[in-house]
N, C-alpha and C. Protein backbone atom coordinates (compact mmCIF):
# COMPACT_ATOMS: atom_id res chain seq x y z
N MET A 1 44.16 96.91 184.81
CA MET A 1 45.19 95.90 184.55
C MET A 1 45.56 95.89 183.07
N ASP A 2 46.85 95.89 182.80
CA ASP A 2 47.35 95.75 181.43
C ASP A 2 47.49 94.26 181.16
N PHE A 3 46.45 93.68 180.50
CA PHE A 3 46.43 92.23 180.33
C PHE A 3 47.59 91.74 179.49
N GLU A 4 47.95 92.48 178.45
CA GLU A 4 49.05 92.04 177.59
C GLU A 4 50.36 91.99 178.37
N ALA A 5 50.55 92.97 179.26
CA ALA A 5 51.76 92.96 180.10
C ALA A 5 51.76 91.76 181.03
N GLU A 6 50.58 91.42 181.57
CA GLU A 6 50.49 90.26 182.46
C GLU A 6 50.74 88.98 181.67
N LEU A 7 50.25 88.93 180.45
CA LEU A 7 50.48 87.76 179.61
C LEU A 7 51.98 87.57 179.37
N CYS A 8 52.66 88.65 179.10
CA CYS A 8 54.12 88.58 178.90
C CYS A 8 54.83 88.18 180.19
N ARG A 9 54.31 88.64 181.31
CA ARG A 9 54.92 88.27 182.59
C ARG A 9 54.80 86.76 182.84
N VAL A 10 53.62 86.21 182.53
CA VAL A 10 53.42 84.77 182.70
C VAL A 10 54.35 84.01 181.76
N ALA A 11 54.46 84.48 180.52
CA ALA A 11 55.36 83.84 179.55
C ALA A 11 56.79 83.83 180.08
N GLN A 12 57.20 84.93 180.69
CA GLN A 12 58.56 85.03 181.21
C GLN A 12 58.78 84.05 182.35
N GLN A 13 57.75 83.85 183.18
CA GLN A 13 57.87 82.89 184.28
C GLN A 13 58.15 81.49 183.75
N TYR A 14 57.44 81.11 182.70
CA TYR A 14 57.68 79.79 182.12
C TYR A 14 59.06 79.71 181.48
N GLN A 15 59.47 80.78 180.82
CA GLN A 15 60.81 80.80 180.23
C GLN A 15 61.88 80.67 181.31
N ASP A 16 61.67 81.32 182.44
CA ASP A 16 62.63 81.24 183.53
C ASP A 16 62.73 79.82 184.10
N GLU A 17 61.67 79.02 183.89
CA GLU A 17 61.69 77.63 184.35
C GLU A 17 62.21 76.68 183.28
N GLY A 18 62.71 77.23 182.18
CA GLY A 18 63.33 76.40 181.16
C GLY A 18 62.42 75.96 180.03
N TYR A 19 61.24 76.55 179.93
CA TYR A 19 60.33 76.20 178.85
C TYR A 19 60.61 77.07 177.63
N ALA A 20 60.41 76.51 176.44
CA ALA A 20 60.33 77.29 175.21
C ALA A 20 58.87 77.74 175.09
N VAL A 21 58.66 79.04 174.92
CA VAL A 21 57.31 79.60 174.99
C VAL A 21 56.92 80.26 173.67
N VAL A 22 55.69 80.00 173.25
CA VAL A 22 55.12 80.68 172.09
C VAL A 22 53.91 81.46 172.57
N LEU A 23 53.95 82.76 172.37
CA LEU A 23 52.87 83.65 172.78
C LEU A 23 51.81 83.71 171.68
N ARG A 24 50.56 83.49 172.06
CA ARG A 24 49.43 83.48 171.12
C ARG A 24 49.76 82.65 169.87
N PRO A 25 49.98 81.36 170.03
CA PRO A 25 50.38 80.49 168.91
C PRO A 25 49.30 80.41 167.83
N GLN A 26 49.76 80.24 166.61
CA GLN A 26 48.85 80.12 165.46
C GLN A 26 49.41 79.09 164.48
N GLY A 27 48.55 78.65 163.58
CA GLY A 27 48.99 77.78 162.50
C GLY A 27 49.48 76.42 162.99
N ASP A 28 50.53 75.92 162.34
CA ASP A 28 51.01 74.58 162.62
C ASP A 28 51.63 74.43 164.00
N VAL A 29 51.91 75.56 164.66
CA VAL A 29 52.47 75.49 166.01
C VAL A 29 51.44 74.94 166.99
N VAL A 30 50.17 75.18 166.71
CA VAL A 30 49.10 74.74 167.60
C VAL A 30 48.88 73.25 167.41
N PRO A 31 48.81 72.47 168.50
CA PRO A 31 48.56 71.04 168.35
C PRO A 31 47.20 70.79 167.69
N PRO A 32 47.09 69.74 166.88
CA PRO A 32 45.85 69.51 166.12
C PRO A 32 44.59 69.49 166.97
N PHE A 33 44.66 68.94 168.18
CA PHE A 33 43.45 68.81 169.00
C PHE A 33 42.95 70.16 169.51
N ALA A 34 43.78 71.21 169.42
CA ALA A 34 43.41 72.52 169.98
C ALA A 34 43.24 73.59 168.92
N ARG A 35 43.14 73.22 167.65
CA ARG A 35 43.13 74.22 166.58
C ARG A 35 41.82 74.99 166.47
N ASN A 36 40.81 74.59 167.19
CA ASN A 36 39.56 75.35 167.20
C ASN A 36 39.53 76.36 168.34
N PHE A 37 40.64 76.52 169.04
CA PHE A 37 40.69 77.43 170.18
C PHE A 37 41.74 78.52 169.95
N GLU A 38 41.50 79.68 170.53
CA GLU A 38 42.50 80.74 170.56
C GLU A 38 43.29 80.59 171.86
N LEU A 39 44.54 80.18 171.73
CA LEU A 39 45.35 79.88 172.91
C LEU A 39 46.19 81.09 173.30
N ASP A 40 46.45 81.20 174.60
CA ASP A 40 47.28 82.29 175.09
C ASP A 40 48.76 81.96 174.97
N LEU A 41 49.15 80.79 175.46
CA LEU A 41 50.57 80.42 175.46
C LEU A 41 50.73 78.93 175.22
N LEU A 42 51.81 78.56 174.57
CA LEU A 42 52.29 77.19 174.53
C LEU A 42 53.66 77.18 175.19
N ALA A 43 53.88 76.22 176.07
CA ALA A 43 55.18 76.10 176.74
C ALA A 43 55.63 74.65 176.63
N SER A 44 56.88 74.44 176.29
CA SER A 44 57.37 73.07 176.14
C SER A 44 58.82 72.97 176.60
N ARG A 45 59.14 71.81 177.11
CA ARG A 45 60.50 71.43 177.42
C ARG A 45 60.52 69.91 177.38
N PRO A 46 61.68 69.28 177.39
CA PRO A 46 61.72 67.82 177.23
C PRO A 46 60.76 67.10 178.18
N GLY A 47 59.85 66.34 177.59
CA GLY A 47 58.92 65.55 178.39
C GLY A 47 57.68 66.29 178.85
N GLU A 48 57.56 67.58 178.54
CA GLU A 48 56.42 68.37 179.01
C GLU A 48 55.91 69.29 177.91
N ASN A 49 54.61 69.29 177.71
CA ASN A 49 53.95 70.22 176.80
C ASN A 49 52.76 70.82 177.55
N VAL A 50 52.70 72.13 177.56
CA VAL A 50 51.70 72.82 178.36
C VAL A 50 50.95 73.85 177.53
N ILE A 51 49.62 73.81 177.60
CA ILE A 51 48.81 74.91 177.11
C ILE A 51 48.50 75.78 178.32
N VAL A 52 48.82 77.04 178.22
CA VAL A 52 48.61 77.96 179.34
C VAL A 52 47.53 78.96 178.96
N GLU A 53 46.45 78.95 179.69
CA GLU A 53 45.39 79.92 179.51
C GLU A 53 45.46 80.93 180.65
N VAL A 54 45.45 82.19 180.32
CA VAL A 54 45.62 83.26 181.30
C VAL A 54 44.30 84.01 181.44
N ALA A 55 43.82 84.13 182.68
CA ALA A 55 42.55 84.81 182.95
C ALA A 55 42.82 86.06 183.79
N PRO A 56 42.13 87.17 183.49
CA PRO A 56 42.36 88.39 184.26
C PRO A 56 41.90 88.28 185.71
N ASN A 57 40.88 87.46 185.97
CA ASN A 57 40.37 87.26 187.33
C ASN A 57 39.56 85.98 187.37
N ARG A 58 39.19 85.56 188.57
CA ARG A 58 38.47 84.29 188.71
C ARG A 58 37.07 84.37 188.13
N ALA A 59 36.45 85.54 188.20
CA ALA A 59 35.09 85.67 187.66
C ALA A 59 35.07 85.38 186.17
N SER A 60 36.14 85.72 185.47
CA SER A 60 36.17 85.51 184.01
C SER A 60 36.18 84.03 183.66
N LEU A 61 36.63 83.18 184.58
CA LEU A 61 36.67 81.75 184.29
C LEU A 61 35.26 81.19 184.12
N SER A 62 34.33 81.69 184.94
CA SER A 62 32.95 81.19 184.86
C SER A 62 32.26 81.65 183.59
N ASN A 63 32.82 82.67 182.93
CA ASN A 63 32.22 83.18 181.69
C ASN A 63 32.92 82.63 180.45
N ASP A 64 33.70 81.58 180.62
CA ASP A 64 34.47 81.03 179.51
C ASP A 64 34.12 79.56 179.32
N PRO A 65 33.02 79.27 178.60
CA PRO A 65 32.58 77.88 178.44
C PRO A 65 33.58 77.04 177.66
N GLN A 66 34.43 77.68 176.85
CA GLN A 66 35.37 76.91 176.05
C GLN A 66 36.49 76.31 176.90
N LEU A 67 36.71 76.89 178.08
CA LEU A 67 37.82 76.42 178.91
C LEU A 67 37.59 74.97 179.35
N THR A 68 36.36 74.64 179.71
CA THR A 68 36.06 73.27 180.12
C THR A 68 36.26 72.31 178.97
N ARG A 69 35.83 72.71 177.76
CA ARG A 69 36.02 71.85 176.59
C ARG A 69 37.50 71.63 176.32
N LEU A 70 38.28 72.71 176.43
CA LEU A 70 39.72 72.60 176.19
C LEU A 70 40.37 71.71 177.23
N ALA A 71 39.99 71.89 178.49
CA ALA A 71 40.56 71.07 179.55
C ALA A 71 40.26 69.59 179.33
N ASP A 72 39.05 69.30 178.87
CA ASP A 72 38.66 67.92 178.61
C ASP A 72 39.52 67.33 177.49
N LEU A 73 39.76 68.10 176.44
CA LEU A 73 40.59 67.63 175.33
C LEU A 73 42.04 67.41 175.76
N VAL A 74 42.59 68.37 176.49
CA VAL A 74 43.99 68.27 176.91
C VAL A 74 44.20 67.05 177.81
N ALA A 75 43.22 66.79 178.68
CA ALA A 75 43.35 65.66 179.61
C ALA A 75 43.48 64.33 178.89
N LYS A 76 43.03 64.28 177.64
CA LYS A 76 43.08 63.03 176.87
C LYS A 76 44.36 62.89 176.04
N GLN A 77 45.23 63.91 176.10
CA GLN A 77 46.43 63.90 175.26
C GLN A 77 47.65 63.52 176.09
N PRO A 78 48.28 62.38 175.82
CA PRO A 78 49.49 62.00 176.57
C PRO A 78 50.58 63.06 176.40
N GLY A 79 51.21 63.39 177.50
CA GLY A 79 52.31 64.35 177.47
C GLY A 79 51.89 65.80 177.48
N TRP A 80 50.59 66.07 177.59
CA TRP A 80 50.09 67.44 177.62
C TRP A 80 49.39 67.73 178.94
N ARG A 81 49.43 69.00 179.35
CA ARG A 81 48.62 69.43 180.49
C ARG A 81 48.15 70.86 180.23
N LEU A 82 47.12 71.25 180.95
CA LEU A 82 46.59 72.60 180.86
C LEU A 82 46.85 73.32 182.17
N ASP A 83 47.48 74.48 182.11
CA ASP A 83 47.64 75.35 183.27
C ASP A 83 46.75 76.56 183.08
N VAL A 84 45.95 76.87 184.09
CA VAL A 84 45.11 78.07 184.07
C VAL A 84 45.69 79.04 185.09
N VAL A 85 46.08 80.22 184.62
CA VAL A 85 46.73 81.21 185.47
C VAL A 85 45.81 82.42 185.62
N VAL A 86 45.47 82.75 186.86
CA VAL A 86 44.69 83.95 187.16
C VAL A 86 45.65 85.04 187.58
N VAL A 87 45.66 86.16 186.87
CA VAL A 87 46.68 87.18 187.10
C VAL A 87 46.22 88.31 188.00
N GLU A 88 44.98 88.28 188.43
CA GLU A 88 44.48 89.32 189.34
C GLU A 88 45.36 89.34 190.58
N GLN A 89 45.97 90.48 190.87
CA GLN A 89 46.91 90.58 191.98
C GLN A 89 46.24 90.93 193.29
N ASN A 90 45.14 91.65 193.24
CA ASN A 90 44.50 92.10 194.47
C ASN A 90 43.01 91.81 194.43
N PRO A 91 42.63 90.53 194.49
CA PRO A 91 41.21 90.19 194.48
C PRO A 91 40.53 90.69 195.74
N PRO A 92 39.20 90.88 195.72
CA PRO A 92 38.50 91.33 196.91
C PRO A 92 38.79 90.40 198.09
N GLY A 93 39.14 91.00 199.21
CA GLY A 93 39.46 90.19 200.39
C GLY A 93 40.70 89.35 200.19
N GLY A 94 41.62 89.84 199.35
CA GLY A 94 42.74 89.01 198.93
C GLY A 94 43.97 89.06 199.81
N ALA A 95 43.85 89.45 201.07
CA ALA A 95 45.01 89.45 201.96
C ALA A 95 45.45 88.02 202.24
N GLU A 96 46.74 87.86 202.50
CA GLU A 96 47.24 86.53 202.85
C GLU A 96 46.63 86.08 204.18
N PRO A 97 46.22 84.81 204.29
CA PRO A 97 45.63 84.33 205.54
C PRO A 97 46.67 84.19 206.64
N THR A 98 46.21 84.28 207.87
CA THR A 98 47.09 84.03 209.01
C THR A 98 47.29 82.52 209.16
N ALA A 99 48.23 82.14 210.01
CA ALA A 99 48.46 80.71 210.26
C ALA A 99 47.20 80.06 210.83
N ASP A 100 46.50 80.77 211.71
CA ASP A 100 45.27 80.21 212.29
C ASP A 100 44.19 80.03 211.22
N GLN A 101 44.11 80.96 210.29
CA GLN A 101 43.13 80.83 209.21
C GLN A 101 43.47 79.64 208.31
N ILE A 102 44.75 79.41 208.09
CA ILE A 102 45.15 78.25 207.29
C ILE A 102 44.80 76.96 208.03
N ARG A 103 45.03 76.94 209.34
CA ARG A 103 44.66 75.75 210.13
C ARG A 103 43.17 75.47 210.00
N GLU A 104 42.36 76.54 209.95
CA GLU A 104 40.93 76.35 209.81
C GLU A 104 40.58 75.74 208.45
N MET A 105 41.37 76.06 207.41
CA MET A 105 41.14 75.44 206.10
C MET A 105 41.32 73.92 206.20
N TYR A 106 42.36 73.50 206.92
CA TYR A 106 42.58 72.05 207.08
C TYR A 106 41.49 71.42 207.93
N ALA A 107 41.06 72.14 208.97
CA ALA A 107 39.97 71.62 209.81
C ALA A 107 38.68 71.50 209.00
N GLU A 108 38.44 72.48 208.14
CA GLU A 108 37.26 72.43 207.28
C GLU A 108 37.35 71.23 206.33
N ALA A 109 38.53 71.00 205.77
CA ALA A 109 38.72 69.85 204.87
C ALA A 109 38.41 68.55 205.60
N GLU A 110 38.82 68.46 206.86
CA GLU A 110 38.54 67.25 207.64
C GLU A 110 37.04 67.09 207.88
N ARG A 111 36.36 68.20 208.20
CA ARG A 111 34.92 68.12 208.44
C ARG A 111 34.18 67.68 207.17
N VAL A 112 34.59 68.25 206.05
CA VAL A 112 33.93 67.90 204.78
C VAL A 112 34.22 66.45 204.41
N LEU A 113 35.44 66.02 204.67
CA LEU A 113 35.78 64.63 204.39
C LEU A 113 34.94 63.69 205.26
N GLY A 114 34.73 64.10 206.50
CA GLY A 114 33.89 63.31 207.41
C GLY A 114 32.45 63.22 206.97
N ALA A 115 32.03 64.18 206.15
CA ALA A 115 30.67 64.18 205.61
C ALA A 115 30.60 63.43 204.29
N ASN A 116 31.65 62.67 203.99
CA ASN A 116 31.70 61.83 202.80
C ASN A 116 31.64 62.65 201.50
N ALA A 117 32.41 63.74 201.49
CA ALA A 117 32.51 64.57 200.28
C ALA A 117 33.99 64.78 199.97
N PRO A 118 34.67 63.75 199.49
CA PRO A 118 36.13 63.85 199.31
C PRO A 118 36.56 64.89 198.27
N ARG A 119 35.75 65.11 197.23
CA ARG A 119 36.15 66.10 196.22
C ARG A 119 36.15 67.51 196.82
N ALA A 120 35.09 67.83 197.55
CA ALA A 120 35.03 69.14 198.20
C ALA A 120 36.14 69.25 199.25
N ALA A 121 36.41 68.16 199.94
CA ALA A 121 37.47 68.17 200.95
C ALA A 121 38.83 68.43 200.30
N LEU A 122 39.03 67.86 199.12
CA LEU A 122 40.30 68.08 198.42
C LEU A 122 40.46 69.54 198.05
N MET A 123 39.38 70.20 197.64
CA MET A 123 39.46 71.62 197.29
C MET A 123 39.87 72.45 198.50
N SER A 124 39.30 72.15 199.67
CA SER A 124 39.66 72.89 200.88
C SER A 124 41.09 72.59 201.29
N ALA A 125 41.49 71.33 201.17
CA ALA A 125 42.86 70.96 201.52
C ALA A 125 43.86 71.66 200.61
N TRP A 126 43.54 71.73 199.29
CA TRP A 126 44.47 72.39 198.37
C TRP A 126 44.56 73.89 198.67
N ALA A 127 43.43 74.51 199.03
CA ALA A 127 43.46 75.93 199.39
C ALA A 127 44.43 76.16 200.54
N GLY A 128 44.37 75.27 201.54
CA GLY A 128 45.29 75.38 202.66
C GLY A 128 46.73 75.14 202.24
N LEU A 129 46.93 74.14 201.38
CA LEU A 129 48.29 73.84 200.91
C LEU A 129 48.88 75.01 200.14
N GLU A 130 48.09 75.60 199.26
CA GLU A 130 48.60 76.71 198.45
C GLU A 130 48.98 77.89 199.35
N ALA A 131 48.12 78.18 200.34
CA ALA A 131 48.42 79.28 201.26
C ALA A 131 49.65 78.96 202.10
N THR A 132 49.77 77.70 202.51
CA THR A 132 50.93 77.29 203.30
C THR A 132 52.22 77.41 202.52
N LEU A 133 52.21 76.98 201.27
CA LEU A 133 53.42 77.03 200.46
C LEU A 133 53.82 78.48 200.16
N ARG A 134 52.83 79.35 199.95
CA ARG A 134 53.16 80.77 199.77
C ARG A 134 53.81 81.31 201.05
N ARG A 135 53.25 80.95 202.17
CA ARG A 135 53.79 81.41 203.46
C ARG A 135 55.22 80.91 203.65
N LEU A 136 55.45 79.64 203.32
CA LEU A 136 56.79 79.07 203.45
C LEU A 136 57.75 79.79 202.51
N GLY A 137 57.31 80.04 201.28
CA GLY A 137 58.16 80.73 200.33
C GLY A 137 58.51 82.14 200.78
N GLN A 138 57.52 82.85 201.32
CA GLN A 138 57.75 84.22 201.77
C GLN A 138 58.71 84.26 202.96
N ARG A 139 58.55 83.34 203.89
CA ARG A 139 59.36 83.38 205.10
C ARG A 139 60.79 82.91 204.86
N THR A 140 60.99 82.09 203.83
CA THR A 140 62.34 81.62 203.52
C THR A 140 63.03 82.50 202.49
N GLY A 141 62.25 83.40 201.87
CA GLY A 141 62.83 84.24 200.84
C GLY A 141 62.92 83.57 199.48
N VAL A 142 62.28 82.40 199.35
CA VAL A 142 62.34 81.66 198.08
C VAL A 142 61.39 82.25 197.05
N GLY A 143 60.27 82.78 197.49
CA GLY A 143 59.26 83.31 196.58
C GLY A 143 57.96 83.43 197.34
N GLY A 144 56.87 83.02 196.70
CA GLY A 144 55.59 83.00 197.40
C GLY A 144 54.78 84.28 197.31
N LYS A 145 55.13 85.16 196.37
CA LYS A 145 54.36 86.37 196.20
C LYS A 145 52.91 86.02 195.85
N THR A 146 51.97 86.78 196.41
CA THR A 146 50.56 86.56 196.09
C THR A 146 50.37 86.63 194.57
N GLY A 147 49.72 85.63 194.02
CA GLY A 147 49.52 85.57 192.57
C GLY A 147 50.49 84.66 191.87
N THR A 148 51.51 84.14 192.59
CA THR A 148 52.44 83.21 191.98
C THR A 148 51.70 81.94 191.55
N MET A 149 51.97 81.46 190.35
CA MET A 149 51.32 80.25 189.87
C MET A 149 51.73 79.06 190.75
N PRO A 150 50.78 78.21 191.13
CA PRO A 150 51.12 77.05 191.97
C PRO A 150 52.25 76.19 191.42
N PRO A 151 52.28 75.87 190.10
CA PRO A 151 53.41 75.06 189.61
C PRO A 151 54.75 75.74 189.84
N THR A 152 54.78 77.06 189.66
CA THR A 152 56.02 77.81 189.88
C THR A 152 56.41 77.77 191.35
N LEU A 153 55.44 77.98 192.22
CA LEU A 153 55.69 77.98 193.66
C LEU A 153 56.24 76.65 194.13
N VAL A 154 55.61 75.56 193.69
CA VAL A 154 56.06 74.23 194.09
C VAL A 154 57.48 73.96 193.60
N ARG A 155 57.76 74.34 192.35
CA ARG A 155 59.09 74.09 191.81
C ARG A 155 60.16 74.95 192.50
N GLU A 156 59.81 76.19 192.85
CA GLU A 156 60.76 77.05 193.55
C GLU A 156 61.14 76.43 194.90
N LEU A 157 60.16 75.97 195.63
CA LEU A 157 60.43 75.37 196.94
C LEU A 157 61.17 74.05 196.80
N TYR A 158 60.84 73.30 195.77
CA TYR A 158 61.54 72.04 195.52
C TYR A 158 63.01 72.29 195.19
N SER A 159 63.26 73.27 194.32
CA SER A 159 64.63 73.58 193.92
C SER A 159 65.46 74.07 195.10
N ALA A 160 64.79 74.75 196.05
CA ALA A 160 65.50 75.28 197.22
C ALA A 160 65.62 74.26 198.34
N GLY A 161 65.06 73.07 198.16
CA GLY A 161 65.20 72.02 199.15
C GLY A 161 64.15 72.01 200.24
N TYR A 162 63.10 72.82 200.09
CA TYR A 162 62.05 72.85 201.11
C TYR A 162 60.93 71.84 200.82
N ILE A 163 60.99 71.19 199.67
CA ILE A 163 60.06 70.13 199.32
C ILE A 163 60.89 68.96 198.81
N SER A 164 60.61 67.77 199.34
CA SER A 164 61.36 66.59 198.92
C SER A 164 60.84 66.08 197.58
N PRO A 165 61.60 65.20 196.92
CA PRO A 165 61.11 64.64 195.65
C PRO A 165 59.75 63.95 195.79
N ASP A 166 59.56 63.18 196.86
CA ASP A 166 58.27 62.51 197.06
C ASP A 166 57.15 63.52 197.29
N GLU A 167 57.43 64.56 198.07
CA GLU A 167 56.43 65.60 198.30
C GLU A 167 56.11 66.33 197.01
N PHE A 168 57.12 66.58 196.20
CA PHE A 168 56.91 67.26 194.91
C PHE A 168 55.97 66.46 194.03
N ARG A 169 56.22 65.16 193.91
CA ARG A 169 55.36 64.31 193.07
C ARG A 169 53.94 64.28 193.61
N PHE A 170 53.80 64.20 194.92
CA PHE A 170 52.45 64.15 195.51
C PHE A 170 51.71 65.47 195.29
N LEU A 171 52.39 66.58 195.48
CA LEU A 171 51.75 67.88 195.28
C LEU A 171 51.30 68.06 193.83
N GLU A 172 52.09 67.58 192.88
CA GLU A 172 51.69 67.67 191.48
C GLU A 172 50.43 66.83 191.22
N GLN A 173 50.35 65.66 191.86
CA GLN A 173 49.16 64.81 191.71
C GLN A 173 47.93 65.50 192.29
N VAL A 174 48.09 66.09 193.47
CA VAL A 174 46.96 66.77 194.11
C VAL A 174 46.53 67.98 193.29
N ARG A 175 47.49 68.73 192.78
CA ARG A 175 47.16 69.90 191.97
C ARG A 175 46.40 69.50 190.71
N ALA A 176 46.82 68.42 190.08
CA ALA A 176 46.14 67.96 188.86
C ALA A 176 44.71 67.53 189.19
N ALA A 177 44.53 66.83 190.31
CA ALA A 177 43.18 66.40 190.69
C ALA A 177 42.30 67.60 191.01
N ARG A 178 42.88 68.58 191.68
CA ARG A 178 42.13 69.80 192.01
C ARG A 178 41.70 70.52 190.74
N THR A 179 42.56 70.56 189.72
CA THR A 179 42.24 71.25 188.47
C THR A 179 41.06 70.58 187.77
N VAL A 180 41.05 69.26 187.76
CA VAL A 180 39.94 68.52 187.15
C VAL A 180 38.63 68.88 187.83
N ILE A 181 38.63 68.92 189.17
CA ILE A 181 37.42 69.23 189.92
C ILE A 181 36.99 70.67 189.69
N ALA A 182 37.96 71.59 189.76
CA ALA A 182 37.64 73.02 189.67
C ALA A 182 37.04 73.41 188.34
N HIS A 183 37.41 72.71 187.27
CA HIS A 183 36.94 73.08 185.94
C HIS A 183 35.78 72.22 185.46
N GLY A 184 35.17 71.49 186.38
CA GLY A 184 33.94 70.79 186.07
C GLY A 184 34.07 69.66 185.07
N LEU A 185 35.22 68.99 185.07
CA LEU A 185 35.40 67.87 184.16
C LEU A 185 34.76 66.62 184.75
N ALA A 186 34.74 65.56 183.97
CA ALA A 186 34.11 64.32 184.42
C ALA A 186 34.71 63.90 185.76
N PRO A 187 33.86 63.66 186.75
CA PRO A 187 34.38 63.33 188.08
C PRO A 187 35.29 62.12 188.07
N ALA A 188 36.42 62.24 188.72
CA ALA A 188 37.34 61.13 188.89
C ALA A 188 37.33 60.72 190.35
N PRO A 189 37.54 59.44 190.64
CA PRO A 189 37.56 59.02 192.04
C PRO A 189 38.62 59.77 192.82
N VAL A 190 38.27 60.21 194.01
CA VAL A 190 39.21 60.89 194.91
C VAL A 190 39.40 60.01 196.13
N ASP A 191 40.63 59.58 196.33
CA ASP A 191 40.95 58.69 197.44
C ASP A 191 40.97 59.46 198.75
N GLU A 192 40.19 59.01 199.74
CA GLU A 192 40.16 59.69 201.03
C GLU A 192 41.54 59.72 201.67
N GLY A 193 42.30 58.66 201.46
CA GLY A 193 43.64 58.61 202.03
C GLY A 193 44.53 59.70 201.46
N ALA A 194 44.36 60.01 200.17
CA ALA A 194 45.15 61.07 199.54
C ALA A 194 44.76 62.43 200.12
N VAL A 195 43.47 62.62 200.40
CA VAL A 195 43.03 63.88 201.00
C VAL A 195 43.62 64.04 202.39
N ARG A 196 43.59 62.96 203.17
CA ARG A 196 44.17 63.02 204.52
C ARG A 196 45.67 63.28 204.46
N LYS A 197 46.33 62.68 203.48
CA LYS A 197 47.76 62.91 203.32
C LYS A 197 48.03 64.38 202.96
N ALA A 198 47.17 64.96 202.11
CA ALA A 198 47.33 66.37 201.75
C ALA A 198 47.16 67.27 202.97
N ILE A 199 46.19 66.95 203.81
CA ILE A 199 45.96 67.73 205.04
C ILE A 199 47.17 67.61 205.96
N ASP A 200 47.65 66.40 206.15
CA ASP A 200 48.80 66.18 207.04
C ASP A 200 50.05 66.89 206.52
N LEU A 201 50.27 66.80 205.20
CA LEU A 201 51.42 67.47 204.62
C LEU A 201 51.32 68.98 204.80
N GLY A 202 50.12 69.51 204.58
CA GLY A 202 49.92 70.95 204.75
C GLY A 202 50.20 71.40 206.17
N ARG A 203 49.73 70.65 207.12
CA ARG A 203 49.97 71.02 208.52
C ARG A 203 51.46 70.93 208.86
N PHE A 204 52.12 69.94 208.32
CA PHE A 204 53.57 69.79 208.57
C PHE A 204 54.33 70.97 207.97
N LYS A 205 53.98 71.35 206.74
CA LYS A 205 54.67 72.47 206.10
C LYS A 205 54.34 73.80 206.78
N LEU A 206 53.12 73.93 207.31
CA LEU A 206 52.77 75.14 208.05
C LEU A 206 53.61 75.25 209.31
N LEU A 207 53.76 74.14 210.02
CA LEU A 207 54.61 74.13 211.21
C LEU A 207 56.05 74.47 210.83
N GLU A 208 56.50 73.92 209.71
CA GLU A 208 57.85 74.19 209.23
C GLU A 208 58.03 75.68 208.94
N SER A 209 57.00 76.29 208.36
CA SER A 209 57.09 77.73 208.04
C SER A 209 57.20 78.57 209.30
N GLU A 210 56.57 78.12 210.37
CA GLU A 210 56.59 78.88 211.62
C GLU A 210 57.93 78.75 212.35
N GLN A 211 58.70 77.76 211.97
CA GLN A 211 60.00 77.56 212.59
C GLN A 211 61.12 78.27 211.84
N VAL A 212 60.76 78.93 210.73
CA VAL A 212 61.74 79.64 209.93
C VAL A 212 61.76 81.11 210.35
N ARG A 213 62.95 81.66 210.55
CA ARG A 213 63.04 83.09 210.83
C ARG A 213 62.71 83.85 209.55
N PRO A 214 61.70 84.73 209.60
CA PRO A 214 61.31 85.42 208.36
C PRO A 214 62.45 86.22 207.76
N ILE A 215 62.50 86.23 206.41
CA ILE A 215 63.44 87.07 205.69
C ILE A 215 62.84 88.48 205.62
N LEU A 216 63.56 89.46 206.12
CA LEU A 216 63.06 90.83 206.11
C LEU A 216 63.44 91.52 204.82
N ALA A 217 62.48 92.24 204.24
CA ALA A 217 62.74 92.96 202.99
C ALA A 217 63.67 94.14 203.24
């Protein structure tokens, strides 16, 4: 993998969404709270400031102790968020799941929720949601290529009318909660009702994807 090329590709995705992007920011461009870190990208547009960290694969995330510290700092800054992008295109066993496999993700989330583990249930529900949205994007021709960043995928479907404004806001909330859990930050309360809503929304969108005639390449 040419990591620098992937870094530029990620930067271009943010630029295509209307962000002003700084690649490998240094000096006064870096926000004061992050000046002890080597950042990959800064992206900004009115009302949004994003630190984007790009990882070659998921295994590299576990070998990066600074990422958790950075995520903790960013979470405390109003108007800022941290996006972590994994650019590995063909991870082991990385084929797209079938509709039945996605349904099993939602069933697993329900079982875990029933065992009084809402954080773990949210992770399973988000896995199903992400797979469902990729499937919907692929079948409608909107996007959904394996490896597409979740924020990009959600915005593409929203712009094309496949996600309503209320669904868009809810998905952003779920994604943010999932990020906090995945990066080992201080546990935040996870509402069981929100997890059930995520499961229901995922199943609805999966059904919607099955009713769309696939776009043939």
